[in-house]
PDB file of N, CA and C in Angstrom:
ATOM      1  N   MET A   1      -9.842   4.080 -21.527  1.00  0.00           N
ATOM      2  CA  MET A   1      -9.527   4.985 -20.313  1.00  0.00           C
ATOM      3  C   MET A   1      -8.100   3.971 -19.370  1.00  0.00           C
ATOM      4  N   SER A   2      -7.115   4.743 -19.524  1.00  0.00           N
ATOM      5  CA  SER A   2      -6.269   4.041 -18.347  1.00  0.00           C
ATOM      6  C   SER A   2      -6.264   2.879 -17.200  1.00  0.00           C
ATOM      7  N   ASP A   3      -4.916   2.745 -16.319  1.00  0.00           N
ATOM      8  CA  ASP A   3      -5.385   2.538 -15.026  1.00  0.00           C
ATOM      9  C   ASP A   3      -5.944   3.712 -14.099  1.00  0.00           C
ATOM     10  N   ILE A   4      -4.650   4.626 -14.955  1.00  0.00           N
ATOM     11  CA  ILE A   4      -4.128   5.424 -13.781  1.00  0.00           C
ATOM     12  C   ILE A   4      -5.318   6.624 -13.552  1.00  0.00           C
ATOM     13  N   GLN A   5      -6.175   6.351 -14.651  1.00  0.00           N
ATOM     14  CA  GLN A   5      -7.905   7.092 -14.653  1.00  0.00           C
ATOM     15  C   GLN A   5      -8.273   6.607 -13.900  1.00  0.00           C
ATOM     16  N   LEU A   6      -8.930   5.910 -14.147  1.00  0.00           N
ATOM     17  CA  LEU A   6      -9.417   4.692 -13.344  1.00  0.00           C
ATOM     18  C   LEU A   6      -9.388   4.769 -11.767  1.00  0.00           C
ATOM     19  N   LYS A   7      -7.814   4.184 -10.793  1.00  0.00           N
ATOM     20  CA  LYS A   7      -7.215   4.694 -10.074  1.00  0.00           C
ATOM     21  C   LYS A   7      -7.663   5.521  -9.613  1.00  0.00           C
ATOM     22  N   SER A   8      -7.827   6.982 -10.253  1.00  0.00           N
ATOM     23  CA  SER A   8      -8.007   8.452  -8.910  1.00  0.00           C
ATOM     24  C   SER A   8      -9.298   8.689  -9.107  1.00  0.00           C
ATOM     25  N   GLU A   9     -10.274   8.199 -10.369  1.00  0.00           N
ATOM     26  CA  GLU A   9     -11.256   8.032 -10.235  1.00  0.00           C
ATOM     27  C   GLU A   9     -12.309   7.778  -9.157  1.00  0.00           C
ATOM     28  N   ILE A  10     -11.748   6.132  -8.934  1.00  0.00           N
ATOM     29  CA  ILE A  10     -11.588   5.294  -7.452  1.00  0.00           C
ATOM     30  C   ILE A  10     -11.733   6.350  -6.090  1.00  0.00           C
ATOM     31  N   GLU A  11     -10.441   6.463  -6.889  1.00  0.00           N
ATOM     32  CA  GLU A  11      -9.976   7.477  -5.101  1.00  0.00           C
ATOM     33  C   GLU A  11     -10.606   8.829  -4.768  1.00  0.00           C
ATOM     34  N   SER A  12     -11.160   9.468  -5.906  1.00  0.00           N
ATOM     35  CA  SER A  12     -12.081  10.297  -5.805  1.00  0.00           C
ATOM     36  C   SER A  12     -13.333  10.382  -5.239  1.00  0.00           C
ATOM     37  N   LEU A  13     -13.967   9.052  -5.784  1.00  0.00           N
ATOM     38  CA  LEU A  13     -15.423   8.643  -5.210  1.00  0.00           C
ATOM     39  C   LEU A  13     -15.281   7.310  -4.116  1.00  0.00           C
ATOM     40  N   VAL A  14     -14.451   7.339  -3.291  1.00  0.00           N
ATOM     41  CA  VAL A  14     -14.552   6.496  -1.932  1.00  0.00           C
ATOM     42  C   VAL A  14     -14.250   7.735  -1.265  1.00  0.00           C
ATOM     43  N   LYS A  15     -12.894   9.593  -1.337  1.00  0.00           N
ATOM     44  CA  LYS A  15     -12.836  10.226  -1.483  1.00  0.00           C
ATOM     45  C   LYS A  15     -14.095  11.573  -0.732  1.00  0.00           C
ATOM     46  N   THR A  16     -15.108  11.617  -1.638  1.00  0.00           N
ATOM     47  CA  THR A  16     -16.356  12.065  -1.227  1.00  0.00           C
ATOM     48  C   THR A  16     -17.116  10.990  -1.014  1.00  0.00           C
ATOM     49  N   SER A  17     -17.403   9.553  -0.648  1.00  0.00           N
ATOM     50  CA  SER A  17     -18.566   8.575   0.013  1.00  0.00           C
ATOM     51  C   SER A  17     -18.291   9.477   1.287  1.00  0.00           C
ATOM     52  N   GLY A  18     -17.418   9.630   1.802  1.00  0.00           N
ATOM     53  CA  GLY A  18     -16.805   9.826   3.630  1.00  0.00           C
ATOM     54  C   GLY A  18     -16.695   8.669   4.271  1.00  0.00           C
ATOM     55  N   TYR A  19     -16.090   7.473   3.389  1.00  0.00           N
ATOM     56  CA  TYR A  19     -16.153   6.426   3.994  1.00  0.00           C
ATOM     57  C   TYR A  19     -14.554   5.860   4.608  1.00  0.00           C
ATOM     58  N   GLU A  20     -14.429   5.066   4.730  1.00  0.00           N
ATOM     59  CA  GLU A  20     -12.821   4.408   5.004  1.00  0.00           C
ATOM     60  C   GLU A  20     -11.945   3.167   4.081  1.00  0.00           C
ATOM     61  N   PRO A  21     -11.156   3.586   2.671  1.00  0.00           N
ATOM     62  CA  PRO A  21     -12.175   2.097   1.725  1.00  0.00           C
ATOM     63  C   PRO A  21     -12.625   1.138   2.501  1.00  0.00           C
ATOM     64  N   SER A  22     -12.768   0.144   1.665  1.00  0.00           N
ATOM     65  CA  SER A  22     -12.042  -1.447   2.360  1.00  0.00           C
ATOM     66  C   SER A  22     -12.754  -1.535   2.014  1.00  0.00           C
ATOM     67  N   LYS A  23     -13.088  -3.307   1.689  1.00  0.00           N
ATOM     68  CA  LYS A  23     -13.248  -4.694   0.637  1.00  0.00           C
ATOM     69  C   LYS A  23     -14.213  -4.191   1.108  1.00  0.00           C
ATOM     70  N   ALA A  24     -14.833  -3.809   1.599  1.00  0.00           N
ATOM     71  CA  ALA A  24     -16.740  -3.982   1.461  1.00  0.00           C
ATOM     72  C   ALA A  24     -17.377  -3.165   0.479  1.00  0.00           C
ATOM     73  N   MET A  25     -15.925  -2.577   0.172  1.00  0.00           N
ATOM     74  CA  MET A  25     -17.449  -1.068  -0.853  1.00  0.00           C
ATOM     75  C   MET A  25     -16.292  -1.553  -2.038  1.00  0.00           C
ATOM     76  N   LEU A  26     -15.960  -2.323  -2.506  1.00  0.00           N
ATOM     77  CA  LEU A  26     -15.693  -2.921  -4.071  1.00  0.00           C
ATOM     78  C   LEU A  26     -16.543  -3.496  -5.001  1.00  0.00           C
ATOM     79  N   CYS A  27     -17.938  -3.498  -4.918  1.00  0.00           N
ATOM     80  CA  CYS A  27     -19.192  -3.908  -5.433  1.00  0.00           C
ATOM     81  C   CYS A  27     -19.369  -2.783  -5.570  1.00  0.00           C
ATOM     82  N   SER A  28     -19.879  -2.441  -4.878  1.00  0.00           N
ATOM     83  CA  SER A  28     -20.346  -0.857  -4.947  1.00  0.00           C
ATOM     84  C   SER A  28     -20.076   0.581  -6.061  1.00  0.00           C
ATOM     85  N   VAL A  29     -18.106   0.528  -5.476  1.00  0.00           N
ATOM     86  CA  VAL A  29     -17.318   0.931  -6.492  1.00  0.00           C
ATOM     87  C   VAL A  29     -17.424   0.170  -8.268  1.00  0.00           C
ATOM     88  N   VAL A  30     -17.761  -0.532  -8.502  1.00  0.00           N
ATOM     89  CA  VAL A  30     -17.432  -1.337  -9.268  1.00  0.00           C
ATOM     90  C   VAL A  30     -18.737  -0.800 -10.082  1.00  0.00           C
ATOM     91  N   ARG A  31     -19.932  -1.221 -10.276  1.00  0.00           N
ATOM     92  CA  ARG A  31     -20.727  -0.681 -10.059  1.00  0.00           C
ATOM     93  C   ARG A  31     -21.432   0.983 -10.710  1.00  0.00           C
ATOM     94  N   VAL A  32     -20.394   1.443  -9.524  1.00  0.00           N
ATOM     95  CA  VAL A  32     -21.025   2.969 -10.398  1.00  0.00           C
ATOM     96  C   VAL A  32     -20.546   3.106 -11.367  1.00  0.00           C
ATOM     97  N   ILE A  33     -18.681   3.064 -11.160  1.00  0.00           N
ATOM     98  CA  ILE A  33     -17.608   3.282 -12.368  1.00  0.00           C
ATOM     99  C   ILE A  33     -17.859   2.589 -14.186  1.00  0.00           C
ATOM    100  N   THR A  34     -18.613   0.881 -13.754  1.00  0.00           N
ATOM    101  CA  THR A  34     -18.999   0.860 -15.110  1.00  0.00           C
ATOM    102  C   THR A  34     -19.980   1.755 -15.201  1.00  0.00           C
ATOM    103  N   MET A  35     -21.448   2.001 -14.426  1.00  0.00           N
ATOM    104  CA  MET A  35     -21.921   2.568 -15.281  1.00  0.00           C
ATOM    105  C   MET A  35     -21.662   4.203 -15.248  1.00  0.00           C
ATOM    106  N   ARG A  36     -20.935   4.814 -15.738  1.00  0.00           N
ATOM    107  CA  ARG A  36     -20.219   6.185 -15.766  1.00  0.00           C
ATOM    108  C   ARG A  36     -19.245   5.998 -16.829  1.00  0.00           C
ATOM    109  N   HIS A  37     -18.339   4.533 -17.110  1.00  0.00           N
ATOM    110  CA  HIS A  37     -18.266   4.030 -17.747  1.00  0.00           C
ATOM    111  C   HIS A  37     -18.264   3.258 -18.567  1.00  0.00           C
ATOM    112  N   ARG A  38     -19.089   2.779 -19.890  1.00  0.00           N
ATOM    113  CA  ARG A  38     -19.800   1.980 -19.800  1.00  0.00           C
ATOM    114  C   ARG A  38     -18.427   0.932 -21.191  1.00  0.00           C
ATOM    115  N   ASP A  39     -17.281   1.955 -22.408  1.00  0.00           N
ATOM    116  CA  ASP A  39     -16.890   1.263 -22.707  1.00  0.00           C
ATOM    117  C   ASP A  39     -16.100   0.915 -21.768  1.00  0.00           C
ATOM    118  N   VAL A  40     -15.869   1.012 -21.034  1.00  0.00           N
ATOM    119  CA  VAL A  40     -14.234   0.091 -19.798  1.00  0.00           C
ATOM    120  C   VAL A  40     -14.655  -1.136 -19.652  1.00  0.00           C
ATOM    121  N   SER A  41     -14.276  -2.606 -20.285  1.00  0.00           N
ATOM    122  CA  SER A  41     -14.896  -3.373 -19.675  1.00  0.00           C
ATOM    123  C   SER A  41     -15.263  -3.493 -18.026  1.00  0.00           C
ATOM    124  N   GLN A  42     -15.691  -4.849 -16.989  1.00  0.00           N
ATOM    125  CA  GLN A  42     -16.030  -5.035 -16.117  1.00  0.00           C
ATOM    126  C   GLN A  42     -14.902  -5.715 -15.407  1.00  0.00           C
ATOM    127  N   LYS A  43     -14.427  -6.420 -15.627  1.00  0.00           N
ATOM    128  CA  LYS A  43     -13.018  -7.216 -14.649  1.00  0.00           C
ATOM    129  C   LYS A  43     -11.762  -6.302 -15.147  1.00  0.00           C
ATOM    130  N   ARG A  44     -11.648  -5.483 -16.063  1.00  0.00           N
ATOM    131  CA  ARG A  44     -10.419  -4.313 -15.642  1.00  0.00           C
ATOM    132  C   ARG A  44     -11.285  -3.092 -14.206  1.00  0.00           C
ATOM    133  N   ILE A  45     -12.150  -3.092 -14.707  1.00  0.00           N
ATOM    134  CA  ILE A  45     -13.069  -1.991 -13.683  1.00  0.00           C
ATOM    135  C   ILE A  45     -12.646  -2.778 -11.915  1.00  0.00           C
ATOM    136  N   PHE A  46     -12.826  -4.069 -12.215  1.00  0.00           N
ATOM    137  CA  PHE A  46     -12.579  -5.324 -10.447  1.00  0.00           C
ATOM    138  C   PHE A  46     -11.474  -4.959 -10.785  1.00  0.00           C
ATOM    139  N   ALA A  47     -10.489  -5.039 -11.532  1.00  0.00           N
ATOM    140  CA  ALA A  47      -9.842  -5.765 -11.172  1.00  0.00           C
ATOM    141  C   ALA A  47      -8.525  -4.250 -10.438  1.00  0.00           C
ATOM    142  N   VAL A  48      -8.763  -3.263 -10.910  1.00  0.00           N
ATOM    143  CA  VAL A  48      -8.356  -2.361 -10.622  1.00  0.00           C
ATOM    144  C   VAL A  48      -8.424  -1.760  -8.632  1.00  0.00           C
ATOM    145  N   ALA A  49     -10.338  -1.820  -8.756  1.00  0.00           N
ATOM    146  CA  ALA A  49     -10.833  -1.824  -7.772  1.00  0.00           C
ATOM    147  C   ALA A  49     -10.172  -2.212  -6.389  1.00  0.00           C
ATOM    148  N   LYS A  50     -10.246  -3.536  -7.116  1.00  0.00           N
ATOM    149  CA  LYS A  50     -10.041  -5.153  -5.964  1.00  0.00           C
ATOM    150  C   LYS A  50      -8.528  -4.090  -5.543  1.00  0.00           C
ATOM    151  N   GLU A  51      -7.288  -3.496  -6.296  1.00  0.00           N
ATOM    152  CA  GLU A  51      -5.901  -3.642  -6.132  1.00  0.00           C
ATOM    153  C   GLU A  51      -6.278  -2.476  -5.430  1.00  0.00           C
ATOM    154  N   LYS A  52      -6.796  -1.136  -5.299  1.00  0.00           N
ATOM    155  CA  LYS A  52      -6.865  -0.143  -5.401  1.00  0.00           C
ATOM    156  C   LYS A  52      -8.073  -0.214  -3.202  1.00  0.00           C
ATOM    157  N   LEU A  53      -8.134  -0.984  -3.458  1.00  0.00           N
ATOM    158  CA  LEU A  53      -9.656  -1.014  -1.659  1.00  0.00           C
ATOM    159  C   LEU A  53      -8.964  -2.173  -1.058  1.00  0.00           C
ATOM    160  N   CYS A  54      -8.781  -3.342  -1.788  1.00  0.00           N
ATOM    161  CA  CYS A  54      -7.911  -4.235  -1.028  1.00  0.00           C
ATOM    162  C   CYS A  54      -6.430  -4.205  -0.274  1.00  0.00           C
TER     163      CYS A  54
END
């Protein structure tokens, strides 16, 4: 899975949640994406989510 796909999925997740993107949701977003895509490393998901949310 590419970084662009991860960014797109994170944007979609945040948009459907109804919350404003913030640093506080970083852990929750990483957890959800990790559960959906077990083949992608958690470090990579964290790096992309941190770039997108912070």
